[in-house]
Protein backbone atom coordinates (compact mmCIF):
# COMPACT_ATOMS: atom_id res chain seq x y z
CA MET A 1 -15.99 -111.54 -64.36
CA SER A 2 -12.52 -110.10 -64.53
CA LEU A 3 -10.11 -110.46 -67.39
CA ASP A 4 -6.68 -110.00 -65.95
CA ARG A 5 -4.85 -109.73 -69.24
CA ARG A 6 -3.04 -106.76 -70.67
CA PRO A 7 -3.13 -105.45 -74.24
CA ALA A 8 -0.82 -107.18 -76.69
CA ALA A 9 2.57 -105.56 -77.02
CA GLY A 10 2.67 -103.00 -79.79
CA VAL A 11 -1.08 -102.39 -80.06
CA ALA A 12 -0.57 -98.69 -79.46
CA ASP A 13 2.18 -98.65 -82.10
CA ARG A 14 -0.10 -99.99 -84.85
CA SER A 15 -2.78 -97.32 -84.71
CA PRO A 16 -2.95 -93.78 -83.39
CA LEU A 17 -6.59 -94.32 -82.37
CA PRO A 18 -7.75 -96.78 -79.74
CA PRO A 19 -10.50 -99.23 -80.67
CA VAL A 20 -14.13 -98.69 -79.70
CA LEU A 21 -16.29 -100.96 -77.56
CA ALA A 22 -19.93 -100.12 -78.29
CA VAL A 23 -22.51 -101.86 -76.11
CA VAL A 24 -25.97 -101.93 -77.67
CA CYS A 25 -28.55 -102.75 -75.01
CA GLY A 26 -32.30 -102.75 -74.68
CA LEU A 27 -35.36 -104.92 -74.47
CA PRO A 28 -35.97 -107.86 -76.79
CA GLY A 29 -37.46 -106.82 -80.12
CA VAL A 30 -36.52 -103.13 -80.08
CA GLY A 31 -34.04 -103.57 -82.93
CA LYS A 32 -30.69 -103.90 -81.18
CA SER A 33 -29.27 -105.96 -84.04
CA THR A 34 -30.28 -103.34 -86.60
CA VAL A 35 -28.59 -100.62 -84.56
CA ALA A 36 -25.53 -102.80 -83.87
CA ARG A 37 -25.05 -103.43 -87.61
CA ALA A 38 -25.42 -99.71 -88.36
CA ILE A 39 -22.78 -98.88 -85.76
CA ALA A 40 -20.45 -101.61 -87.04
CA ASP A 41 -20.79 -100.33 -90.59
CA ARG A 42 -20.04 -96.80 -89.45
CA ILE A 43 -17.00 -97.50 -87.25
CA PRO A 44 -16.24 -100.35 -88.66
CA ALA A 45 -16.33 -103.11 -86.08
CA THR A 46 -17.13 -106.75 -85.47
CA VAL A 47 -20.59 -107.47 -84.04
CA LEU A 48 -20.89 -110.06 -81.28
CA ARG A 49 -24.45 -111.17 -80.42
CA THR A 50 -25.53 -113.08 -77.34
CA ASP A 51 -28.23 -114.80 -79.41
CA VAL A 52 -25.53 -116.29 -81.65
CA LEU A 53 -23.13 -117.12 -78.82
CA ARG A 54 -25.86 -118.90 -76.88
CA THR A 55 -26.51 -121.26 -79.81
CA GLU A 56 -22.77 -121.85 -80.19
CA LEU A 57 -22.39 -122.73 -76.51
CA TYR A 58 -25.64 -124.65 -76.03
CA ALA A 59 -27.24 -126.95 -78.59
CA ASP A 60 -30.59 -126.69 -76.80
CA PRO A 61 -30.59 -123.45 -74.78
CA SER A 62 -32.66 -123.40 -71.60
CA TYR A 63 -32.05 -119.72 -70.66
CA THR A 64 -31.12 -120.52 -67.07
CA THR A 65 -29.25 -118.00 -64.95
CA ALA A 66 -26.08 -120.13 -65.13
CA GLU A 67 -26.35 -120.37 -68.91
CA THR A 68 -26.80 -116.59 -69.19
CA VAL A 69 -23.72 -116.03 -67.02
CA ASP A 70 -21.71 -118.29 -69.35
CA VAL A 71 -22.97 -116.46 -72.43
CA TYR A 72 -22.12 -112.99 -71.11
CA ASP A 73 -18.74 -114.16 -69.83
CA GLU A 74 -17.96 -115.53 -73.30
CA LEU A 75 -19.23 -112.33 -74.91
CA LEU A 76 -16.84 -110.22 -72.85
CA THR A 77 -13.96 -112.65 -73.40
CA ARG A 78 -14.42 -112.46 -77.17
CA ALA A 79 -14.73 -108.69 -76.99
CA PHE A 80 -11.44 -108.56 -75.09
CA ASP A 81 -9.76 -110.71 -77.76
CA HIS A 82 -10.78 -108.25 -80.50
CA LEU A 83 -9.98 -105.13 -78.51
CA ASP A 84 -6.64 -106.56 -77.40
CA VAL A 85 -5.43 -106.55 -81.02
CA GLY A 86 -6.84 -103.09 -81.72
CA GLU A 87 -10.14 -104.10 -83.33
CA SER A 88 -13.38 -102.31 -82.51
CA VAL A 89 -16.35 -104.36 -81.30
CA VAL A 90 -20.11 -103.87 -81.02
CA LEU A 91 -21.86 -106.02 -78.41
CA ASP A 92 -25.49 -106.80 -79.23
CA ALA A 93 -27.24 -108.01 -76.08
CA THR A 94 -29.97 -107.08 -73.65
CA PHE A 95 -27.50 -106.07 -70.92
CA LYS A 96 -30.45 -105.84 -68.52
CA THR A 97 -28.27 -105.43 -65.42
CA GLY A 98 -26.15 -102.48 -64.46
CA GLU A 99 -23.45 -104.88 -63.27
CA ARG A 100 -22.93 -106.30 -66.79
CA ARG A 101 -22.85 -102.80 -68.32
CA ILE A 102 -20.19 -101.75 -65.81
CA GLN A 103 -18.18 -104.91 -66.59
CA ALA A 104 -18.18 -103.92 -70.26
CA ARG A 105 -17.17 -100.36 -69.45
CA ASP A 106 -14.37 -101.63 -67.20
CA LEU A 107 -13.18 -103.99 -69.93
CA ALA A 108 -12.91 -101.06 -72.34
CA SER A 109 -10.93 -99.12 -69.75
CA GLN A 110 -8.65 -102.08 -69.08
CA VAL A 111 -7.55 -102.32 -72.71
CA GLY A 112 -7.60 -98.58 -73.41
CA ALA A 113 -10.64 -98.73 -75.71
CA ARG A 114 -13.21 -95.97 -76.06
CA PHE A 115 -16.56 -96.98 -74.59
CA ARG A 116 -20.06 -96.15 -75.83
CA LEU A 117 -23.26 -97.43 -74.29
CA VAL A 118 -26.30 -97.27 -76.56
CA ARG A 119 -29.83 -97.99 -75.40
CA VAL A 120 -32.20 -98.88 -78.23
CA GLU A 121 -35.86 -98.02 -77.86
CA CYS A 122 -38.88 -98.60 -80.07
CA GLU A 123 -42.54 -97.59 -79.89
CA ALA A 124 -44.80 -100.39 -78.65
CA SER A 125 -47.01 -100.15 -81.73
CA VAL A 126 -44.02 -100.97 -83.96
CA LEU A 127 -42.44 -103.49 -81.61
CA GLU A 128 -45.03 -106.27 -81.80
CA GLY A 129 -44.93 -106.45 -85.58
CA ARG A 130 -41.14 -106.53 -85.64
CA ILE A 131 -40.99 -109.33 -83.08
CA GLU A 132 -43.22 -111.44 -85.32
CA GLU A 133 -40.84 -110.86 -88.28
CA ARG A 134 -37.57 -111.66 -86.46
CA ASP A 135 -34.61 -113.31 -88.17
CA GLY A 136 -34.92 -116.63 -86.37
CA VAL A 137 -31.69 -116.35 -84.35
CA SER A 138 -33.47 -114.95 -81.28
CA ASP A 139 -36.09 -116.94 -79.42
CA ALA A 140 -37.54 -113.86 -77.70
CA ASP A 141 -41.22 -113.20 -78.37
CA PHE A 142 -43.48 -110.44 -77.02
CA ASP A 143 -43.98 -112.25 -73.69
CA VAL A 144 -40.21 -112.30 -73.21
CA HIS A 145 -40.12 -108.59 -74.04
CA VAL A 146 -42.69 -107.88 -71.30
CA GLU A 147 -40.81 -110.06 -68.80
CA PHE A 148 -37.53 -108.23 -69.50
CA ARG A 149 -39.24 -104.84 -69.37
CA ASP A 150 -40.11 -105.52 -65.75
CA ARG A 151 -36.52 -106.58 -64.88
CA PHE A 152 -34.46 -104.16 -67.00
CA GLU A 153 -32.39 -102.03 -64.63
CA PRO A 154 -32.18 -98.28 -65.31
CA LEU A 155 -29.03 -97.06 -67.03
CA ALA A 156 -26.89 -95.32 -64.42
CA ILE A 157 -23.85 -94.63 -66.61
CA ASP A 158 -23.43 -92.28 -69.56
CA HIS A 159 -25.26 -93.49 -72.64
CA VAL A 160 -27.03 -92.42 -75.80
CA VAL A 161 -30.52 -93.46 -76.84
CA VAL A 162 -31.33 -94.51 -80.39
CA ASP A 163 -35.03 -94.63 -81.28
CA ASN A 164 -35.51 -97.45 -83.77
CA SER A 165 -39.25 -96.89 -84.32
CA GLY A 166 -38.96 -95.52 -87.84
CA SER A 167 -37.33 -96.61 -91.06
CA ARG A 168 -33.90 -98.19 -91.33
CA ALA A 169 -32.64 -94.97 -92.92
CA ALA A 170 -33.90 -92.95 -89.94
CA THR A 171 -32.17 -95.34 -87.54
CA GLU A 172 -28.93 -95.15 -89.52
CA ASP A 173 -29.15 -91.35 -89.39
CA ARG A 174 -29.55 -91.46 -85.61
CA VAL A 175 -26.53 -93.77 -85.35
CA ALA A 176 -24.50 -91.45 -87.59
CA ARG A 177 -25.30 -88.52 -85.28
CA ALA A 178 -24.50 -90.55 -82.15
CA PHE A 179 -21.20 -91.82 -83.56
CA GLY A 180 -20.21 -88.83 -85.69
CA ASP A 181 -17.17 -88.16 -83.55
CA VAL A 182 -15.97 -91.77 -83.50
CA VAL A 183 -13.43 -93.05 -85.96
CA ALA A 184 -12.29 -96.53 -85.16
CA ALA A 185 -8.75 -97.81 -85.04
CA ASN A 186 -9.34 -100.56 -87.57
CA PRO A 187 -10.26 -99.26 -91.05
CA ARG A 188 -11.03 -102.75 -92.41
CA ARG A 189 -14.53 -103.98 -93.19
CA PRO A 190 -15.37 -106.55 -90.53
CA ALA A 191 -16.50 -110.05 -91.32
CA ARG A 192 -19.79 -110.46 -89.47
């Protein structure tokens, strides 16, 4: 997918800092949404989740390859729309393929945004219990986690790892360390 649009005129004039595009990736159930919210609160930024987009685009999702392509294309289009007006964005998705991660990185470069790739990990002993207690937006269960584990491509571009095995406070501390140098262009509190 290629977005052949340029940043809106005057974006650079409104803020001395470019926006941030943070991509939060990892296997189902590791706590990507928890990490994404912590990043968004820190920067601040708008969180875009593939789980939510999928239900907006498809009343009865079937998780086909074509459907997944549509969801990720829409995710990147919406990210572009936010970045194009100088707003930071956190993408909450599995991003199991290197190709999709590179597309996100290239999108950030295209609009002059700063890019951060974050892989979320979680100990297996904690993971199963968390999957059972999910928020209801995601349909991924432990079997889906195992299936994705076998197909998740290694990260070949610069990234940070956030271990989400402990308490929420510990995760937020890890996010604070990983994003300590990042101040976003948009000082507003995002509506998520």
